[in-house]
C-alpha cells in the first residue's frame, strides 16, 4: 500500500507530503467541499439535540485568537491580543457542540462578519419552529443583532459596557449600606428601560450591583435583554455564557486547534473545520457514554 501511495506521489512530483495532507489541502478545497464541510457540524449538533431530547437551544457566540509563528496568509498583528494571529468566530450550543466556526483575518473586530455567520443558523431554527435563546459578550452588543433576534422572537441576553447614562439609572443603589461591612458581598439586581443613541427603541436592561468587602465602589454589570424573567434569573442565564469560553479552551488545549500552520488562508479554513469536527466527535462520544448517568465531563478531564 505504501509503495502505491509513494508511486502516485512521485508521479505528481511530490513525495514529501502525506496522503492525508493532500486530502486536507487539495481535495477539500475543490468545488463546494469547503462549504459543505462547514455544514457537517450543524447536522451533527441537530442529531445530538434529538438524542438529548432538547426542547430549547441556547446559542453562544464568541471570538478567539489563534496565534501564528510564520508567514501564514491573512495572519496579522492584533493590538488587543498583542500578537500576530487569526481572529476566529465560534458558535456553540449549551452542551459544547460547535455549530459553526469562521476563520478571519487577525486584525478584524470581534463582530466582523457576525451577520452572515449567525443569521443562517438562527433562520434555520426559526423556520423549523425550534425555540432558541442567544447570549453574547459586550463585543456583540449591536442594535442590529438585537433587531434580528426580535424579528424572529429569539430571546437574548447580551452584556453592554457601562456609561454615564446607564450609571444614572442605578446611582441610588450604588452606595454601600451604612454600618460595618459584613463578610459576604452585598448584591442587588436592578431592571429598567433604556435607549442608547444608536437604538431605534427602548429595551430592557438588567444590572447586577455587587459590593465587595474592602472595596469603596461597587462592581456593576449590565445586560440588555428581551427576556421577561425576574432580574436574578436573567443574570444567572447570562453568566452561564462562561461555558462557551471553556469550550474554546478545550479546543485549544486538548485538540490544539490553534495549530493553523498552512501557508494559504483557505487551507487553514479547512484545517480549522477539521479540528471543529474532531471536537464535536469527542463531544458526541462523551455524551453517548454518559447519557444515562447525566454526568458532564470536560474533554480536558478525559
C-alpha atoms as a PDB file:
ATOM      1  CA  UNK A   1       0.000   0.000   0.000  1.00  0.00           C
ATOM      2  CA  UNK A   2       2.795   2.401   0.899  1.00  0.00           C
ATOM      3  CA  UNK A   3       4.516   1.621  -2.391  1.00  0.00           C
ATOM      4  CA  UNK A   4       1.376   2.511  -4.334  1.00  0.00           C
ATOM      5  CA  UNK A   5       0.925   5.765  -2.435  1.00  0.00           C
ATOM      6  CA  UNK A   6       4.593   6.574  -2.899  1.00  0.00           C
ATOM      7  CA  UNK A   7       4.435   5.882  -6.630  1.00  0.00           C
ATOM      8  CA  UNK A   8       1.411   8.161  -7.003  1.00  0.00           C
ATOM      9  CA  UNK A   9       3.142  10.886  -5.049  1.00  0.00           C
ATOM     10  CA  UNK A  10       6.270  10.623  -7.214  1.00  0.00           C
ATOM     11  CA  UNK A  11       4.116  10.733 -10.349  1.00  0.00           C
ATOM     12  CA  UNK A  12       2.704  14.035  -9.125  1.00  0.00           C
ATOM     13  CA  UNK A  13       6.161  15.371  -8.405  1.00  0.00           C
ATOM     14  CA  UNK A  14       5.958  15.489  -4.619  1.00  0.00           C
ATOM     15  CA  UNK A  15       6.591  12.541  -2.332  1.00  0.00           C
ATOM     16  CA  UNK A  16       7.174  14.618   0.779  1.00  0.00           C
ATOM     17  CA  UNK A  17       3.572  15.297   1.740  1.00  0.00           C
ATOM     18  CA  UNK A  18       1.284  12.659   3.209  1.00  0.00           C
ATOM     19  CA  UNK A  19      -1.883  11.486   1.508  1.00  0.00           C
ATOM     20  CA  UNK A  20      -3.904  12.916   4.393  1.00  0.00           C
ATOM     21  CA  UNK A  21      -2.131  16.221   3.913  1.00  0.00           C
ATOM     22  CA  UNK A  22      -3.068  16.332   0.233  1.00  0.00           C
ATOM     23  CA  UNK A  23      -6.647  15.426   1.116  1.00  0.00           C
ATOM     24  CA  UNK A  24      -6.725  18.342   3.547  1.00  0.00           C
ATOM     25  CA  UNK A  25      -5.047  20.892   1.299  1.00  0.00           C
ATOM     26  CA  UNK A  26      -6.322  19.934  -2.152  1.00  0.00           C
ATOM     27  CA  UNK A  27      -9.410  17.727  -2.259  1.00  0.00           C
ATOM     28  CA  UNK A  28     -11.315  19.574   0.468  1.00  0.00           C
ATOM     29  CA  UNK A  29     -10.670  22.867  -1.318  1.00  0.00           C
ATOM     30  CA  UNK A  30     -12.302  21.684  -4.537  1.00  0.00           C
ATOM     31  CA  UNK A  31     -15.841  22.567  -5.611  1.00  0.00           C
ATOM     32  CA  UNK A  32     -18.260  23.059  -2.717  1.00  0.00           C
ATOM     33  CA  UNK A  33     -16.294  20.779  -0.385  1.00  0.00           C
ATOM     34  CA  UNK A  34     -15.208  23.537   1.997  1.00  0.00           C
ATOM     35  CA  UNK A  35     -18.738  24.984   2.281  1.00  0.00           C
ATOM     36  CA  UNK A  36     -20.222  21.515   2.808  1.00  0.00           C
ATOM     37  CA  UNK A  37     -17.541  20.706   5.364  1.00  0.00           C
ATOM     38  CA  UNK A  38     -18.684  23.647   7.457  1.00  0.00           C
ATOM     39  CA  UNK A  39     -22.283  22.366   7.463  1.00  0.00           C
ATOM     40  CA  UNK A  40     -21.493  18.925   8.864  1.00  0.00           C
ATOM     41  CA  UNK A  41     -21.055  20.151  12.449  1.00  0.00           C
ATOM     42  CA  UNK A  42     -24.507  21.757  12.383  1.00  0.00           C
ATOM     43  CA  UNK A  43     -26.047  18.497  11.187  1.00  0.00           C
ATOM     44  CA  UNK A  44     -24.314  16.550  13.950  1.00  0.00           C
ATOM     45  CA  UNK A  45     -25.459  19.032  16.583  1.00  0.00           C
ATOM     46  CA  UNK A  46     -29.071  18.675  15.478  1.00  0.00           C
ATOM     47  CA  UNK A  47     -28.876  14.886  15.692  1.00  0.00           C
ATOM     48  CA  UNK A  48     -27.489  15.158  19.226  1.00  0.00           C
ATOM     49  CA  UNK A  49     -30.306  17.559  20.162  1.00  0.00           C
ATOM     50  CA  UNK A  50     -32.701  14.747  19.219  1.00  0.00           C
ATOM     51  CA  UNK A  51     -30.740  12.241  21.302  1.00  0.00           C
ATOM     52  CA  UNK A  52     -30.770  14.572  24.303  1.00  0.00           C
ATOM     53  CA  UNK A  53     -34.449  15.398  23.830  1.00  0.00           C
ATOM     54  CA  UNK A  54     -33.743  19.121  23.684  1.00  0.00           C
ATOM     55  CA  UNK A  55     -36.779  21.391  23.526  1.00  0.00           C
ATOM     56  CA  UNK A  56     -34.822  24.641  23.584  1.00  0.00           C
ATOM     57  CA  UNK A  57     -31.493  25.598  22.004  1.00  0.00           C
ATOM     58  CA  UNK A  58     -29.181  28.083  23.707  1.00  0.00           C
ATOM     59  CA  UNK A  59     -26.518  29.601  21.462  1.00  0.00           C
ATOM     60  CA  UNK A  60     -23.334  31.399  22.490  1.00  0.00           C
ATOM     61  CA  UNK A  61     -21.330  33.453  20.021  1.00  0.00           C
ATOM     62  CA  UNK A  62     -17.732  34.371  20.776  1.00  0.00           C
ATOM     63  CA  UNK A  63     -14.413  35.128  19.120  1.00  0.00           C
ATOM     64  CA  UNK A  64     -10.911  33.953  19.965  1.00  0.00           C
ATOM     65  CA  UNK A  65      -7.347  34.330  18.757  1.00  0.00           C
ATOM     66  CA  UNK A  66      -5.179  31.672  17.122  1.00  0.00           C
ATOM     67  CA  UNK A  67      -1.501  32.700  17.416  1.00  0.00           C
ATOM     68  CA  UNK A  68       0.735  32.097  14.405  1.00  0.00           C
ATOM     69  CA  UNK A  69       4.522  31.964  14.202  1.00  0.00           C
ATOM     70  CA  UNK A  70       5.111  32.074  10.459  1.00  0.00           C
ATOM     71  CA  UNK A  71       4.002  33.977   7.374  1.00  0.00           C
ATOM     72  CA  UNK A  72       0.530  32.480   7.019  1.00  0.00           C
ATOM     73  CA  UNK A  73      -1.758  34.325   4.640  1.00  0.00           C
ATOM     74  CA  UNK A  74      -4.248  36.538   6.493  1.00  0.00           C
ATOM     75  CA  UNK A  75      -2.465  36.391   9.839  1.00  0.00           C
ATOM     76  CA  UNK A  76      -1.866  39.909  11.134  1.00  0.00           C
ATOM     77  CA  UNK A  77      -0.996  41.679  14.367  1.00  0.00           C
ATOM     78  CA  UNK A  78      -3.932  42.237  16.725  1.00  0.00           C
ATOM     79  CA  UNK A  79      -3.373  45.015  19.250  1.00  0.00           C
ATOM     80  CA  UNK A  80      -5.994  43.689  21.687  1.00  0.00           C
ATOM     81  CA  UNK A  81      -4.341  40.270  21.966  1.00  0.00           C
ATOM     82  CA  UNK A  82      -0.845  41.680  21.492  1.00  0.00           C
ATOM     83  CA  UNK A  83       0.189  39.066  18.944  1.00  0.00           C
ATOM     84  CA  UNK A  84       0.171  38.031  15.323  1.00  0.00           C
ATOM     85  CA  UNK A  85      -2.816  35.761  14.895  1.00  0.00           C
ATOM     86  CA  UNK A  86      -6.067  34.788  13.239  1.00  0.00           C
ATOM     87  CA  UNK A  87      -9.234  36.040  14.944  1.00  0.00           C
ATOM     88  CA  UNK A  88     -11.941  33.394  14.519  1.00  0.00           C
ATOM     89  CA  UNK A  89     -15.673  33.378  15.260  1.00  0.00           C
ATOM     90  CA  UNK A  90     -17.315  30.437  17.052  1.00  0.00           C
ATOM     91  CA  UNK A  91     -20.919  29.433  17.714  1.00  0.00           C
ATOM     92  CA  UNK A  92     -21.644  26.850  20.423  1.00  0.00           C
ATOM     93  CA  UNK A  93     -24.742  25.369  21.978  1.00  0.00           C
ATOM     94  CA  UNK A  94     -25.034  24.916  25.730  1.00  0.00           C
ATOM     95  CA  UNK A  95     -23.669  21.345  25.525  1.00  0.00           C
ATOM     96  CA  UNK A  96     -20.407  22.403  23.922  1.00  0.00           C
ATOM     97  CA  UNK A  97     -21.201  21.322  20.360  1.00  0.00           C
ATOM     98  CA  UNK A  98     -19.591  23.805  17.972  1.00  0.00           C
ATOM     99  CA  UNK A  99     -22.209  24.507  15.315  1.00  0.00           C
ATOM    100  CA  UNK A 100     -20.026  26.761  13.259  1.00  0.00           C
ATOM    101  CA  UNK A 101     -16.560  28.337  13.090  1.00  0.00           C
ATOM    102  CA  UNK A 102     -15.216  31.021  10.803  1.00  0.00           C
ATOM    103  CA  UNK A 103     -11.545  31.784  10.251  1.00  0.00           C
ATOM    104  CA  UNK A 104     -10.938  35.524   9.905  1.00  0.00           C
ATOM    105  CA  UNK A 105      -8.024  37.895   9.440  1.00  0.00           C
ATOM    106  CA  UNK A 106      -6.104  38.645  12.604  1.00  0.00           C
ATOM    107  CA  UNK A 107      -6.827  42.366  12.849  1.00  0.00           C
ATOM    108  CA  UNK A 108     -10.629  42.361  12.481  1.00  0.00           C
ATOM    109  CA  UNK A 109     -13.039  43.440  15.213  1.00  0.00           C
ATOM    110  CA  UNK A 110     -14.818  40.749  17.220  1.00  0.00           C
ATOM    111  CA  UNK A 111     -18.113  41.392  15.411  1.00  0.00           C
ATOM    112  CA  UNK A 112     -16.698  41.454  11.867  1.00  0.00           C
ATOM    113  CA  UNK A 113     -18.982  39.364   9.632  1.00  0.00           C
ATOM    114  CA  UNK A 114     -21.236  38.315  12.511  1.00  0.00           C
ATOM    115  CA  UNK A 115     -24.463  38.612  10.495  1.00  0.00           C
ATOM    116  CA  UNK A 116     -23.533  36.323   7.589  1.00  0.00           C
ATOM    117  CA  UNK A 117     -22.120  33.938  10.194  1.00  0.00           C
ATOM    118  CA  UNK A 118     -25.048  33.845  12.627  1.00  0.00           C
ATOM    119  CA  UNK A 119     -28.200  34.692  10.694  1.00  0.00           C
ATOM    120  CA  UNK A 120     -28.399  31.464   8.601  1.00  0.00           C
ATOM    121  CA  UNK A 121     -28.300  29.394  11.812  1.00  0.00           C
ATOM    122  CA  UNK A 122     -30.988  31.488  13.524  1.00  0.00           C
ATOM    123  CA  UNK A 123     -33.236  31.374  10.459  1.00  0.00           C
ATOM    124  CA  UNK A 124     -32.733  27.621  10.142  1.00  0.00           C
ATOM    125  CA  UNK A 125     -34.055  27.075  13.676  1.00  0.00           C
ATOM    126  CA  UNK A 126     -36.766  29.716  13.225  1.00  0.00           C
ATOM    127  CA  UNK A 127     -38.125  28.036  10.104  1.00  0.00           C
ATOM    128  CA  UNK A 128     -38.183  24.683  11.921  1.00  0.00           C
ATOM    129  CA  UNK A 129     -40.085  26.217  14.844  1.00  0.00           C
ATOM    130  CA  UNK A 130     -37.308  25.479  17.350  1.00  0.00           C
ATOM    131  CA  UNK A 131     -37.158  27.648  20.476  1.00  0.00           C
ATOM    132  CA  UNK A 132     -33.801  29.471  20.622  1.00  0.00           C
ATOM    133  CA  UNK A 133     -32.075  31.830  23.054  1.00  0.00           C
ATOM    134  CA  UNK A 134     -28.900  33.848  22.405  1.00  0.00           C
ATOM    135  CA  UNK A 135     -26.030  35.032  24.584  1.00  0.00           C
ATOM    136  CA  UNK A 136     -23.015  37.179  23.797  1.00  0.00           C
ATOM    137  CA  UNK A 137     -20.457  39.408  25.498  1.00  0.00           C
ATOM    138  CA  UNK A 138     -20.157  43.167  25.103  1.00  0.00           C
ATOM    139  CA  UNK A 139     -18.380  42.874  21.744  1.00  0.00           C
ATOM    140  CA  UNK A 140     -21.694  41.721  20.223  1.00  0.00           C
ATOM    141  CA  UNK A 141     -23.820  44.464  21.776  1.00  0.00           C
ATOM    142  CA  UNK A 142     -25.144  45.866  18.499  1.00  0.00           C
ATOM    143  CA  UNK A 143     -28.710  47.031  17.757  1.00  0.00           C
ATOM    144  CA  UNK A 144     -28.605  45.023  14.508  1.00  0.00           C
ATOM    145  CA  UNK A 145     -28.196  41.800  16.494  1.00  0.00           C
ATOM    146  CA  UNK A 146     -30.978  42.768  18.914  1.00  0.00           C
ATOM    147  CA  UNK A 147     -33.265  43.545  15.996  1.00  0.00           C
ATOM    148  CA  UNK A 148     -32.509  40.268  14.228  1.00  0.00           C
ATOM    149  CA  UNK A 149     -33.363  38.282  17.353  1.00  0.00           C
ATOM    150  CA  UNK A 150     -36.525  40.289  17.989  1.00  0.00           C
ATOM    151  CA  UNK A 151     -37.649  39.778  14.398  1.00  0.00           C
ATOM    152  CA  UNK A 152     -37.590  36.006  14.910  1.00  0.00           C
ATOM    153  CA  UNK A 153     -38.848  36.002  18.503  1.00  0.00           C
ATOM    154  CA  UNK A 154     -35.494  34.839  19.877  1.00  0.00           C
ATOM    155  CA  UNK A 155     -34.796  35.855  23.466  1.00  0.00           C
ATOM    156  CA  UNK A 156     -31.314  37.199  24.115  1.00  0.00           C
ATOM    157  CA  UNK A 157     -29.091  38.433  26.926  1.00  0.00           C
ATOM    158  CA  UNK A 158     -26.015  40.398  25.879  1.00  0.00           C
ATOM    159  CA  UNK A 159     -23.632  42.312  28.093  1.00  0.00           C
ATOM    160  CA  UNK A 160     -23.184  46.018  27.428  1.00  0.00           C
ATOM    161  CA  UNK A 161     -20.420  48.280  28.665  1.00  0.00           C
ATOM    162  CA  UNK A 162     -21.243  50.799  31.347  1.00  0.00           C
ATOM    163  CA  UNK A 163     -21.510  54.507  30.672  1.00  0.00           C
ATOM    164  CA  UNK A 164     -22.684  57.614  32.443  1.00  0.00           C
ATOM    165  CA  UNK A 165     -26.304  57.325  31.300  1.00  0.00           C
ATOM    166  CA  UNK A 166     -26.563  53.713  32.449  1.00  0.00           C
ATOM    167  CA  UNK A 167     -24.988  54.540  35.793  1.00  0.00           C
ATOM    168  CA  UNK A 168     -27.559  57.279  36.408  1.00  0.00           C
ATOM    169  CA  UNK A 169     -30.298  54.639  36.390  1.00  0.00           C
ATOM    170  CA  UNK A 170     -28.665  52.818  39.316  1.00  0.00           C
ATOM    171  CA  UNK A 171     -26.816  55.563  41.187  1.00  0.00           C
ATOM    172  CA  UNK A 172     -29.221  55.439  44.128  1.00  0.00           C
ATOM    173  CA  UNK A 173     -28.275  51.759  44.615  1.00  0.00           C
ATOM    174  CA  UNK A 174     -24.509  52.284  44.315  1.00  0.00           C
ATOM    175  CA  UNK A 175     -23.970  53.481  47.886  1.00  0.00           C
ATOM    176  CA  UNK A 176     -22.794  50.889  50.366  1.00  0.00           C
ATOM    177  CA  UNK A 177     -25.231  50.433  53.295  1.00  0.00           C
ATOM    178  CA  UNK A 178     -24.278  52.301  56.450  1.00  0.00           C
ATOM    179  CA  UNK A 179     -22.541  50.253  59.144  1.00  0.00           C
ATOM    180  CA  UNK A 180     -19.734  47.766  59.460  1.00  0.00           C
ATOM    181  CA  UNK A 181     -19.446  45.708  56.249  1.00  0.00           C
ATOM    182  CA  UNK A 182     -20.152  42.015  56.605  1.00  0.00           C
ATOM    183  CA  UNK A 183     -18.018  39.191  55.307  1.00  0.00           C
ATOM    184  CA  UNK A 184     -20.391  38.427  52.456  1.00  0.00           C
ATOM    185  CA  UNK A 185     -20.703  40.588  49.367  1.00  0.00           C
ATOM    186  CA  UNK A 186     -23.869  42.671  49.034  1.00  0.00           C
ATOM    187  CA  UNK A 187     -25.654  42.065  45.725  1.00  0.00           C
ATOM    188  CA  UNK A 188     -28.539  43.999  44.209  1.00  0.00           C
ATOM    189  CA  UNK A 189     -30.383  43.418  40.931  1.00  0.00           C
ATOM    190  CA  UNK A 190     -31.984  46.341  39.112  1.00  0.00           C
ATOM    191  CA  UNK A 191     -34.149  46.337  35.969  1.00  0.00           C
ATOM    192  CA  UNK A 192     -35.037  49.404  33.889  1.00  0.00           C
ATOM    193  CA  UNK A 193     -35.879  50.555  30.359  1.00  0.00           C
ATOM    194  CA  UNK A 194     -33.080  52.198  28.411  1.00  0.00           C
ATOM    195  CA  UNK A 195     -32.476  53.529  24.920  1.00  0.00           C
ATOM    196  CA  UNK A 196     -28.963  54.186  23.632  1.00  0.00           C
ATOM    197  CA  UNK A 197     -28.421  56.796  20.930  1.00  0.00           C
ATOM    198  CA  UNK A 198     -27.993  54.144  18.208  1.00  0.00           C
ATOM    199  CA  UNK A 199     -31.116  52.163  19.189  1.00  0.00           C
ATOM    200  CA  UNK A 200     -34.471  52.546  17.476  1.00  0.00           C
ATOM    201  CA  UNK A 201     -36.410  51.870  20.681  1.00  0.00           C
ATOM    202  CA  UNK A 202     -36.157  51.273  24.412  1.00  0.00           C
ATOM    203  CA  UNK A 203     -35.006  47.864  25.630  1.00  0.00           C
ATOM    204  CA  UNK A 204     -34.825  46.202  28.999  1.00  0.00           C
ATOM    205  CA  UNK A 205     -31.506  46.381  30.843  1.00  0.00           C
ATOM    206  CA  UNK A 206     -30.734  44.337  33.948  1.00  0.00           C
ATOM    207  CA  UNK A 207     -27.920  45.474  36.237  1.00  0.00           C
ATOM    208  CA  UNK A 208     -26.095  43.468  38.874  1.00  0.00           C
ATOM    209  CA  UNK A 209     -24.525  45.649  41.563  1.00  0.00           C
ATOM    210  CA  UNK A 210     -22.048  43.893  43.819  1.00  0.00           C
ATOM    211  CA  UNK A 211     -20.334  45.455  46.847  1.00  0.00           C
ATOM    212  CA  UNK A 212     -17.192  43.549  47.806  1.00  0.00           C
ATOM    213  CA  UNK A 213     -15.725  43.762  51.280  1.00  0.00           C
ATOM    214  CA  UNK A 214     -12.839  46.219  51.370  1.00  0.00           C
ATOM    215  CA  UNK A 215     -13.800  47.946  48.111  1.00  0.00           C
ATOM    216  CA  UNK A 216     -15.106  51.507  48.135  1.00  0.00           C
ATOM    217  CA  UNK A 217     -17.062  51.306  44.890  1.00  0.00           C
ATOM    218  CA  UNK A 218     -19.328  48.508  43.687  1.00  0.00           C
ATOM    219  CA  UNK A 219     -18.809  46.395  40.572  1.00  0.00           C
ATOM    220  CA  UNK A 220     -21.643  46.762  38.089  1.00  0.00           C
ATOM    221  CA  UNK A 221     -22.525  44.574  35.128  1.00  0.00           C
ATOM    222  CA  UNK A 222     -25.226  45.467  32.588  1.00  0.00           C
ATOM    223  CA  UNK A 223     -27.128  43.092  30.286  1.00  0.00           C
ATOM    224  CA  UNK A 224     -29.553  44.146  27.577  1.00  0.00           C
ATOM    225  CA  UNK A 225     -32.242  41.519  27.221  1.00  0.00           C
ATOM    226  CA  UNK A 226     -35.594  40.638  25.713  1.00  0.00           C
ATOM    227  CA  UNK A 227     -36.259  38.087  28.461  1.00  0.00           C
ATOM    228  CA  UNK A 228     -39.270  38.600  30.735  1.00  0.00           C
ATOM    229  CA  UNK A 229     -37.997  36.642  33.732  1.00  0.00           C
ATOM    230  CA  UNK A 230     -37.008  38.111  37.078  1.00  0.00           C
ATOM    231  CA  UNK A 231     -33.794  40.130  37.295  1.00  0.00           C
ATOM    232  CA  UNK A 232     -31.706  37.482  39.035  1.00  0.00           C
ATOM    233  CA  UNK A 233     -32.687  34.744  36.593  1.00  0.00           C
ATOM    234  CA  UNK A 234     -31.627  36.911  33.617  1.00  0.00           C
ATOM    235  CA  UNK A 235     -28.188  37.455  35.135  1.00  0.00           C
ATOM    236  CA  UNK A 236     -27.895  33.780  36.012  1.00  0.00           C
ATOM    237  CA  UNK A 237     -28.803  32.845  32.428  1.00  0.00           C
ATOM    238  CA  UNK A 238     -26.177  35.200  31.021  1.00  0.00           C
ATOM    239  CA  UNK A 239     -23.456  34.059  33.416  1.00  0.00           C
ATOM    240  CA  UNK A 240     -23.681  30.528  32.035  1.00  0.00           C
ATOM    241  CA  UNK A 241     -22.174  32.006  28.881  1.00  0.00           C
ATOM    242  CA  UNK A 242     -18.832  31.373  30.568  1.00  0.00           C
ATOM    243  CA  UNK A 243     -19.079  27.745  29.486  1.00  0.00           C
ATOM    244  CA  UNK A 244     -18.557  28.941  25.904  1.00  0.00           C
ATOM    245  CA  UNK A 245     -15.115  30.208  26.882  1.00  0.00           C
ATOM    246  CA  UNK A 246     -14.485  26.809  28.471  1.00  0.00           C
ATOM    247  CA  UNK A 247     -15.332  25.023  25.203  1.00  0.00           C
ATOM    248  CA  UNK A 248     -12.851  27.248  23.357  1.00  0.00           C
ATOM    249  CA  UNK A 249     -10.150  26.481  25.919  1.00  0.00           C
ATOM    250  CA  UNK A 250     -10.863  22.769  25.492  1.00  0.00           C
ATOM    251  CA  UNK A 251     -10.382  23.100  21.753  1.00  0.00           C
ATOM    252  CA  UNK A 252      -7.132  24.976  22.235  1.00  0.00           C
ATOM    253  CA  UNK A 253      -5.586  22.698  24.843  1.00  0.00           C
ATOM    254  CA  UNK A 254      -6.960  19.234  24.079  1.00  0.00           C
ATOM    255  CA  UNK A 255      -7.057  19.382  20.273  1.00  0.00           C
ATOM    256  CA  UNK A 256      -4.593  22.219  19.690  1.00  0.00           C
ATOM    257  CA  UNK A 257      -6.989  23.707  17.133  1.00  0.00           C
ATOM    258  CA  UNK A 258      -4.916  26.908  17.056  1.00  0.00           C
ATOM    259  CA  UNK A 259      -2.290  24.998  15.072  1.00  0.00           C
ATOM    260  CA  UNK A 260      -3.088  26.660  11.765  1.00  0.00           C
ATOM    261  CA  UNK A 261       0.283  26.306  10.120  1.00  0.00           C
ATOM    262  CA  UNK A 262      -0.704  26.077   6.435  1.00  0.00           C
ATOM    263  CA  UNK A 263       0.567  28.912   4.260  1.00  0.00           C
ATOM    264  CA  UNK A 264      -2.754  29.553   2.489  1.00  0.00           C
ATOM    265  CA  UNK A 265      -5.777  31.155   4.164  1.00  0.00           C
ATOM    266  CA  UNK A 266      -8.307  28.728   2.640  1.00  0.00           C
ATOM    267  CA  UNK A 267      -6.147  25.760   3.627  1.00  0.00           C
ATOM    268  CA  UNK A 268      -6.256  26.970   7.223  1.00  0.00           C
ATOM    269  CA  UNK A 269     -10.038  27.287   6.897  1.00  0.00           C
ATOM    270  CA  UNK A 270     -10.137  23.581   6.068  1.00  0.00           C
ATOM    271  CA  UNK A 271      -7.856  22.752   8.974  1.00  0.00           C
ATOM    272  CA  UNK A 272      -9.968  24.712  11.466  1.00  0.00           C
ATOM    273  CA  UNK A 273     -13.126  22.946  10.286  1.00  0.00           C
ATOM    274  CA  UNK A 274     -11.442  19.553  10.674  1.00  0.00           C
ATOM    275  CA  UNK A 275     -10.441  20.477  14.214  1.00  0.00           C
ATOM    276  CA  UNK A 276     -14.057  21.521  14.931  1.00  0.00           C
ATOM    277  CA  UNK A 277     -15.313  18.175  13.603  1.00  0.00           C
ATOM    278  CA  UNK A 278     -12.839  16.327  15.842  1.00  0.00           C
ATOM    279  CA  UNK A 279     -14.036  18.371  18.823  1.00  0.00           C
ATOM    280  CA  UNK A 280     -17.668  17.560  18.041  1.00  0.00           C
ATOM    281  CA  UNK A 281     -16.961  13.854  17.576  1.00  0.00           C
ATOM    282  CA  UNK A 282     -15.391  13.740  21.017  1.00  0.00           C
ATOM    283  CA  UNK A 283     -18.418  15.540  22.441  1.00  0.00           C
ATOM    284  CA  UNK A 284     -20.752  13.056  20.730  1.00  0.00           C
ATOM    285  CA  UNK A 285     -18.906  10.027  22.100  1.00  0.00           C
ATOM    286  CA  UNK A 286     -18.745  11.590  25.558  1.00  0.00           C
ATOM    287  CA  UNK A 287     -22.472  12.393  25.512  1.00  0.00           C
ATOM    288  CA  UNK A 288     -23.431   8.883  24.424  1.00  0.00           C
ATOM    289  CA  UNK A 289     -21.171   7.334  27.049  1.00  0.00           C
ATOM    290  CA  UNK A 290     -22.594   9.465  29.875  1.00  0.00           C
ATOM    291  CA  UNK A 291     -26.185   9.854  28.671  1.00  0.00           C
ATOM    292  CA  UNK A 292     -27.737   7.576  31.302  1.00  0.00           C
ATOM    293  CA  UNK A 293     -25.588   8.875  34.161  1.00  0.00           C
ATOM    294  CA  UNK A 294     -26.374  12.552  33.370  1.00  0.00           C
ATOM    295  CA  UNK A 295     -22.752  13.411  34.186  1.00  0.00           C
ATOM    296  CA  UNK A 296     -20.923  16.260  32.471  1.00  0.00           C
ATOM    297  CA  UNK A 297     -17.219  15.759  31.926  1.00  0.00           C
ATOM    298  CA  UNK A 298     -14.919  18.052  30.028  1.00  0.00           C
ATOM    299  CA  UNK A 299     -12.566  16.843  27.319  1.00  0.00           C
ATOM    300  CA  UNK A 300      -9.636  18.089  29.396  1.00  0.00           C
ATOM    301  CA  UNK A 301     -10.738  15.859  32.261  1.00  0.00           C
ATOM    302  CA  UNK A 302     -10.910  12.859  29.947  1.00  0.00           C
END
